[in-house]
Amino acid sequence: MFNTKAFGDSKFRFQSLTLVFYLIGFVVVLAETIFHIYGKSLCLAEGCRIVESFVKGGDLILLIAGLVLFGVLIFLSSYKFPEKIKPLIEYIHSGILIAALSVEGYLLGFQLFIIKELCIFCLTVFGILFISICLRLFKKRLEMVYAFAGFVCLILITYFVNPEINLIPSSRYVLVYSRGCPHCEEVIQFCKTHSISVQTIEAKEISGILRTLKIEHVPVLFCDEGTTKKFIVGQAEIKEYLLSQAPQTTTQEGVCPIFEKEKCQ
């Protein structure tokens, strides 16, 4: 015989456990929000700062959204709704979790495939939502399968469609070239002749970035001058710039050094 009392107790335990995870999520986001107000963060990973730099309005927007999300989930899990609207409330509850995990899919994909840095805080929130959704699955809320489907779809989208911003090498000078481009080859040979250290990358490997910057021609030189970043387009302009940055040495023609006769001019 089916034990309805045991099933009811199990359902109550899952609901209580889900509420506990929502409370943990709310506390974590609230703590990060307070730290953020004072210019600090619970997350010391580089990925956290990179993700924040890409958010319009700053990290505070995501934190407020997280507080609202977990606040609503806590309310839906703890408030005693009338029996006649409970089914509707459950679907709303599930819909919010589906949307939340889908957003986490994009954020995780952004970190894995675009910036290639992980935000520990984001992973913590993702873990809380993931466990909460699994608990609802155990409660026979089969619509939670859509949450995982949305999560996987958003991760795949960020994998197949991304600007590949991380592919520009970290170097003072990076020369973007195309095979068969005589102007590119001329610049490369110029750098070899003058012993200028330049890292090269083929244009097709960062085509997304070039389109974003509205760069339609090669060669292109990306320059990292510390606080100043610039790019220079064109063979003559690149050669002129590199010569201007090269160390200047003064030499005299028609003389011979006394102690290094092999350097006679």
Protein backbone atom coordinates (compact mmCIF):
# COMPACT_ATOMS: atom_id res chain seq x y z
CA MET A 1 0.00 0.00 0.00
CA PHE A 2 1.25 3.50 -0.86
CA ASN A 3 2.26 5.37 2.25
CA THR A 4 0.85 8.87 1.73
CA LYS A 5 2.18 10.04 5.10
CA ALA A 6 5.76 9.08 4.19
CA PHE A 7 5.39 10.77 0.82
CA GLY A 8 4.06 13.90 2.50
CA ASP A 9 6.94 13.93 5.00
CA SER A 10 9.45 13.48 2.17
CA LYS A 11 7.87 16.31 0.19
CA PHE A 12 8.02 18.56 3.25
CA ARG A 13 11.70 17.74 3.82
CA PHE A 14 12.56 18.58 0.21
CA GLN A 15 10.64 21.85 0.46
CA SER A 16 12.40 22.78 3.71
CA LEU A 17 15.80 21.89 2.26
CA THR A 18 15.08 23.98 -0.85
CA LEU A 19 14.15 26.92 1.37
CA VAL A 20 17.45 26.52 3.24
CA PHE A 21 19.40 26.79 -0.03
CA TYR A 22 17.41 29.88 -1.02
CA LEU A 23 18.28 31.45 2.33
CA ILE A 24 21.97 30.59 1.85
CA GLY A 25 21.87 32.16 -1.62
CA PHE A 26 20.25 35.32 -0.26
CA VAL A 27 22.84 35.63 2.53
CA VAL A 28 25.76 35.09 0.12
CA VAL A 29 24.48 37.72 -2.32
CA LEU A 30 23.66 40.14 0.52
CA ALA A 31 27.16 39.75 1.96
CA GLU A 32 28.74 40.40 -1.45
CA THR A 33 26.49 43.46 -1.88
CA ILE A 34 27.62 44.90 1.45
CA PHE A 35 31.27 44.23 0.56
CA HIS A 36 30.70 45.85 -2.83
CA ILE A 37 29.36 49.03 -1.23
CA TYR A 38 32.60 49.34 0.72
CA GLY A 39 34.72 48.69 -2.36
CA LYS A 40 35.59 45.09 -1.47
CA SER A 41 34.51 41.62 -2.60
CA LEU A 42 34.16 38.09 -1.28
CA CYS A 43 35.59 36.90 -4.60
CA LEU A 44 39.30 37.54 -5.07
CA ALA A 45 39.55 35.74 -8.43
CA GLU A 46 40.44 37.75 -11.53
CA GLY A 47 37.34 36.38 -13.25
CA CYS A 48 35.06 38.26 -10.84
CA ARG A 49 36.61 41.61 -11.75
CA ILE A 50 36.52 40.82 -15.47
CA VAL A 51 32.84 39.83 -15.37
CA GLU A 52 32.03 43.02 -13.45
CA SER A 53 33.77 45.14 -16.09
CA PHE A 54 31.45 43.77 -18.77
CA VAL A 55 28.18 44.39 -16.87
CA LYS A 56 26.36 47.57 -17.88
CA GLY A 57 25.91 49.58 -14.73
CA GLY A 58 28.52 47.56 -12.85
CA ASP A 59 28.38 44.50 -10.62
CA LEU A 60 25.73 46.10 -8.40
CA ILE A 61 23.11 45.39 -11.08
CA LEU A 62 23.76 41.65 -10.88
CA LEU A 63 23.81 41.74 -7.08
CA ILE A 64 20.45 43.50 -6.86
CA ALA A 65 19.02 41.01 -9.35
CA GLY A 66 20.36 38.17 -7.18
CA LEU A 67 18.77 39.63 -4.04
CA VAL A 68 15.42 39.99 -5.80
CA LEU A 69 15.67 36.46 -7.21
CA PHE A 70 16.37 34.73 -3.91
CA GLY A 71 13.95 37.00 -2.06
CA VAL A 72 11.11 36.00 -4.40
CA LEU A 73 12.07 32.31 -4.19
CA ILE A 74 12.08 32.47 -0.38
CA PHE A 75 8.64 34.08 -0.44
CA LEU A 76 7.23 31.48 -2.84
CA SER A 77 8.65 28.64 -0.75
CA SER A 78 7.58 29.87 2.69
CA TYR A 79 4.28 31.70 2.21
CA LYS A 80 1.09 29.68 2.77
CA PHE A 81 -0.88 30.26 -0.41
CA PRO A 82 -4.54 29.20 -0.75
CA GLU A 83 -4.88 25.65 -2.07
CA LYS A 84 -6.68 26.74 -5.23
CA ILE A 85 -3.77 28.83 -6.48
CA LYS A 86 -0.94 26.56 -5.29
CA PRO A 87 -0.57 24.82 -8.68
CA LEU A 88 -0.17 28.20 -10.39
CA ILE A 89 2.37 29.31 -7.76
CA GLU A 90 4.37 26.13 -8.33
CA TYR A 91 4.55 26.82 -12.05
CA ILE A 92 5.64 30.41 -11.40
CA HIS A 93 8.25 29.06 -8.98
CA SER A 94 9.54 26.65 -11.63
CA GLY A 95 9.48 29.33 -14.33
CA ILE A 96 11.69 31.63 -12.26
CA LEU A 97 14.21 28.83 -11.68
CA ILE A 98 14.22 27.95 -15.39
CA ALA A 99 14.97 31.56 -16.31
CA ALA A 100 17.61 31.87 -13.56
CA LEU A 101 19.52 28.74 -14.60
CA SER A 102 19.37 29.82 -18.24
CA VAL A 103 20.99 33.14 -17.29
CA GLU A 104 23.62 31.21 -15.33
CA GLY A 105 24.26 29.19 -18.48
CA TYR A 106 25.14 32.36 -20.35
CA LEU A 107 27.31 33.70 -17.52
CA LEU A 108 29.17 30.41 -17.18
CA GLY A 109 29.62 30.12 -20.94
CA PHE A 110 30.89 33.71 -21.05
CA GLN A 111 33.50 32.85 -18.44
CA LEU A 112 34.53 29.52 -19.99
CA PHE A 113 34.65 30.40 -23.68
CA ILE A 114 35.06 34.18 -23.96
CA ILE A 115 37.12 35.59 -21.09
CA LYS A 116 38.44 32.16 -19.99
CA GLU A 117 38.41 33.24 -16.35
CA LEU A 118 36.06 31.88 -13.68
CA CYS A 119 34.13 34.02 -11.20
CA ILE A 120 33.96 32.09 -7.91
CA PHE A 121 30.98 34.13 -6.69
CA CYS A 122 29.05 33.35 -9.90
CA LEU A 123 29.89 29.66 -9.54
CA THR A 124 28.62 29.70 -5.95
CA VAL A 125 25.27 31.17 -7.02
CA PHE A 126 25.11 28.66 -9.88
CA GLY A 127 25.75 25.79 -7.46
CA ILE A 128 22.95 26.93 -5.14
CA LEU A 129 20.48 27.20 -8.02
CA PHE A 130 21.59 23.86 -9.48
CA ILE A 131 21.04 22.01 -6.18
CA SER A 132 17.70 23.74 -5.64
CA ILE A 133 16.49 22.66 -9.08
CA CYS A 134 17.63 19.08 -8.43
CA LEU A 135 15.62 19.09 -5.20
CA ARG A 136 12.52 20.21 -7.12
CA LEU A 137 13.09 17.39 -9.57
CA PHE A 138 13.04 14.97 -6.64
CA LYS A 139 9.70 16.51 -5.73
CA LYS A 140 8.44 15.33 -9.16
CA ARG A 141 8.48 18.82 -10.67
CA LEU A 142 9.44 17.46 -14.08
CA GLU A 143 9.27 20.87 -15.75
CA MET A 144 12.68 21.48 -14.17
CA VAL A 145 14.10 19.54 -17.10
CA TYR A 146 13.55 22.73 -19.11
CA ALA A 147 15.93 24.55 -16.76
CA PHE A 148 18.77 22.20 -17.69
CA ALA A 149 17.81 22.43 -21.36
CA GLY A 150 17.95 26.23 -21.24
CA PHE A 151 21.26 26.09 -19.37
CA VAL A 152 22.87 23.80 -21.96
CA CYS A 153 21.51 25.86 -24.88
CA LEU A 154 22.93 29.13 -23.53
CA ILE A 155 26.33 27.56 -22.88
CA LEU A 156 26.42 26.21 -26.45
CA ILE A 157 25.46 29.62 -27.85
CA THR A 158 28.37 31.29 -26.06
CA TYR A 159 30.66 28.54 -27.35
CA PHE A 160 29.67 28.86 -31.00
CA VAL A 161 28.99 32.62 -31.08
CA ASN A 162 31.59 34.71 -29.29
CA PRO A 163 33.97 37.57 -30.21
CA GLU A 164 37.08 35.61 -29.14
CA ILE A 165 38.35 38.63 -27.23
CA ASN A 166 40.97 36.54 -25.46
CA LEU A 167 42.84 35.52 -28.60
CA ILE A 168 44.92 38.69 -28.92
CA PRO A 169 48.28 37.66 -27.42
CA SER A 170 49.60 39.49 -24.40
CA SER A 171 52.56 41.36 -25.85
CA ARG A 172 53.74 44.93 -26.30
CA TYR A 173 53.38 44.69 -30.08
CA VAL A 174 51.01 42.32 -31.86
CA LEU A 175 50.93 42.38 -35.65
CA VAL A 176 47.77 41.19 -37.38
CA TYR A 177 48.47 39.89 -40.88
CA SER A 178 46.94 37.87 -43.71
CA ARG A 179 48.62 35.22 -45.80
CA GLY A 180 49.47 36.52 -49.28
CA CYS A 181 49.47 40.15 -48.13
CA PRO A 182 52.72 41.75 -49.45
CA HIS A 183 52.36 44.74 -47.13
CA CYS A 184 52.14 42.43 -44.12
CA GLU A 185 55.24 40.55 -45.25
CA GLU A 186 57.09 43.83 -45.70
CA VAL A 187 56.33 44.85 -42.11
CA ILE A 188 57.39 41.44 -40.78
CA GLN A 189 60.70 41.63 -42.64
CA PHE A 190 61.15 45.22 -41.43
CA CYS A 191 60.77 44.05 -37.81
CA LYS A 192 63.31 41.27 -38.37
CA THR A 193 65.80 43.66 -39.96
CA HIS A 194 65.55 46.13 -37.08
CA SER A 195 65.36 43.41 -34.38
CA ILE A 196 61.97 44.63 -33.18
CA SER A 197 60.11 42.02 -31.14
CA VAL A 198 56.61 41.71 -32.58
CA GLN A 199 54.18 38.85 -32.02
CA THR A 200 52.09 37.91 -35.06
CA ILE A 201 48.56 36.57 -35.38
CA GLU A 202 46.56 35.82 -38.50
CA ALA A 203 43.54 38.08 -39.12
CA LYS A 204 41.07 35.20 -39.56
CA GLU A 205 41.74 34.08 -35.97
CA ILE A 206 40.39 37.35 -34.51
CA SER A 207 37.97 38.36 -37.25
CA GLY A 208 35.25 39.06 -34.69
CA ILE A 209 37.37 41.63 -32.89
CA LEU A 210 38.45 43.28 -36.14
CA ARG A 211 34.82 43.63 -37.25
CA THR A 212 33.88 45.09 -33.87
CA LEU A 213 36.65 47.69 -34.18
CA LYS A 214 35.64 48.33 -37.81
CA ILE A 215 39.11 47.37 -39.02
CA GLU A 216 38.88 46.21 -42.63
CA HIS A 217 42.53 46.17 -43.73
CA VAL A 218 45.81 44.59 -42.71
CA PRO A 219 48.50 44.89 -41.55
CA VAL A 220 47.37 46.13 -38.13
CA LEU A 221 49.63 46.69 -35.16
CA PHE A 222 48.14 46.46 -31.67
CA CYS A 223 50.28 48.36 -29.18
CA ASP A 224 50.28 47.95 -25.41
CA GLU A 225 52.01 50.95 -23.84
CA GLY A 226 50.87 50.32 -20.30
CA THR A 227 48.17 52.88 -19.59
CA THR A 228 47.75 53.53 -23.32
CA LYS A 229 46.42 51.00 -25.83
CA LYS A 230 46.31 51.74 -29.55
CA PHE A 231 46.14 50.10 -32.95
CA ILE A 232 47.82 51.31 -36.13
CA VAL A 233 46.72 50.34 -39.64
CA GLY A 234 48.93 50.38 -42.74
CA GLN A 235 52.47 49.42 -43.70
CA ALA A 236 53.99 52.92 -43.73
CA GLU A 237 52.25 54.02 -40.51
CA ILE A 238 53.37 50.88 -38.65
CA LYS A 239 57.00 51.21 -39.75
CA GLU A 240 57.06 54.90 -38.83
CA TYR A 241 55.59 54.17 -35.39
CA LEU A 242 57.99 51.32 -34.64
CA LEU A 243 60.99 53.44 -35.65
CA SER A 244 59.80 56.25 -33.40
CA GLN A 245 59.60 53.82 -30.46
CA ALA A 246 62.98 52.15 -31.08
CA PRO A 247 65.90 53.23 -28.84
CA GLN A 248 67.84 56.03 -30.48
CA THR A 249 71.59 55.56 -30.84
CA THR A 250 73.98 58.24 -32.06
CA THR A 251 76.67 57.11 -34.51
CA GLN A 252 79.30 58.98 -36.46
CA GLU A 253 80.35 58.06 -39.99
CA GLY A 254 83.97 58.15 -41.17
CA VAL A 255 85.50 57.29 -37.78
CA CYS A 256 86.96 54.16 -36.15
CA PRO A 257 86.79 53.35 -32.43
CA ILE A 258 90.17 53.10 -30.71
CA PHE A 259 89.44 49.92 -28.78
CA GLU A 260 86.83 48.22 -31.05
CA LYS A 261 88.26 48.53 -34.55
CA GLU A 262 85.77 45.97 -35.93
CA LYS A 263 83.05 48.65 -35.52
CA CYS A 264 84.80 51.05 -37.88
CA GLN A 265 82.23 53.13 -39.82
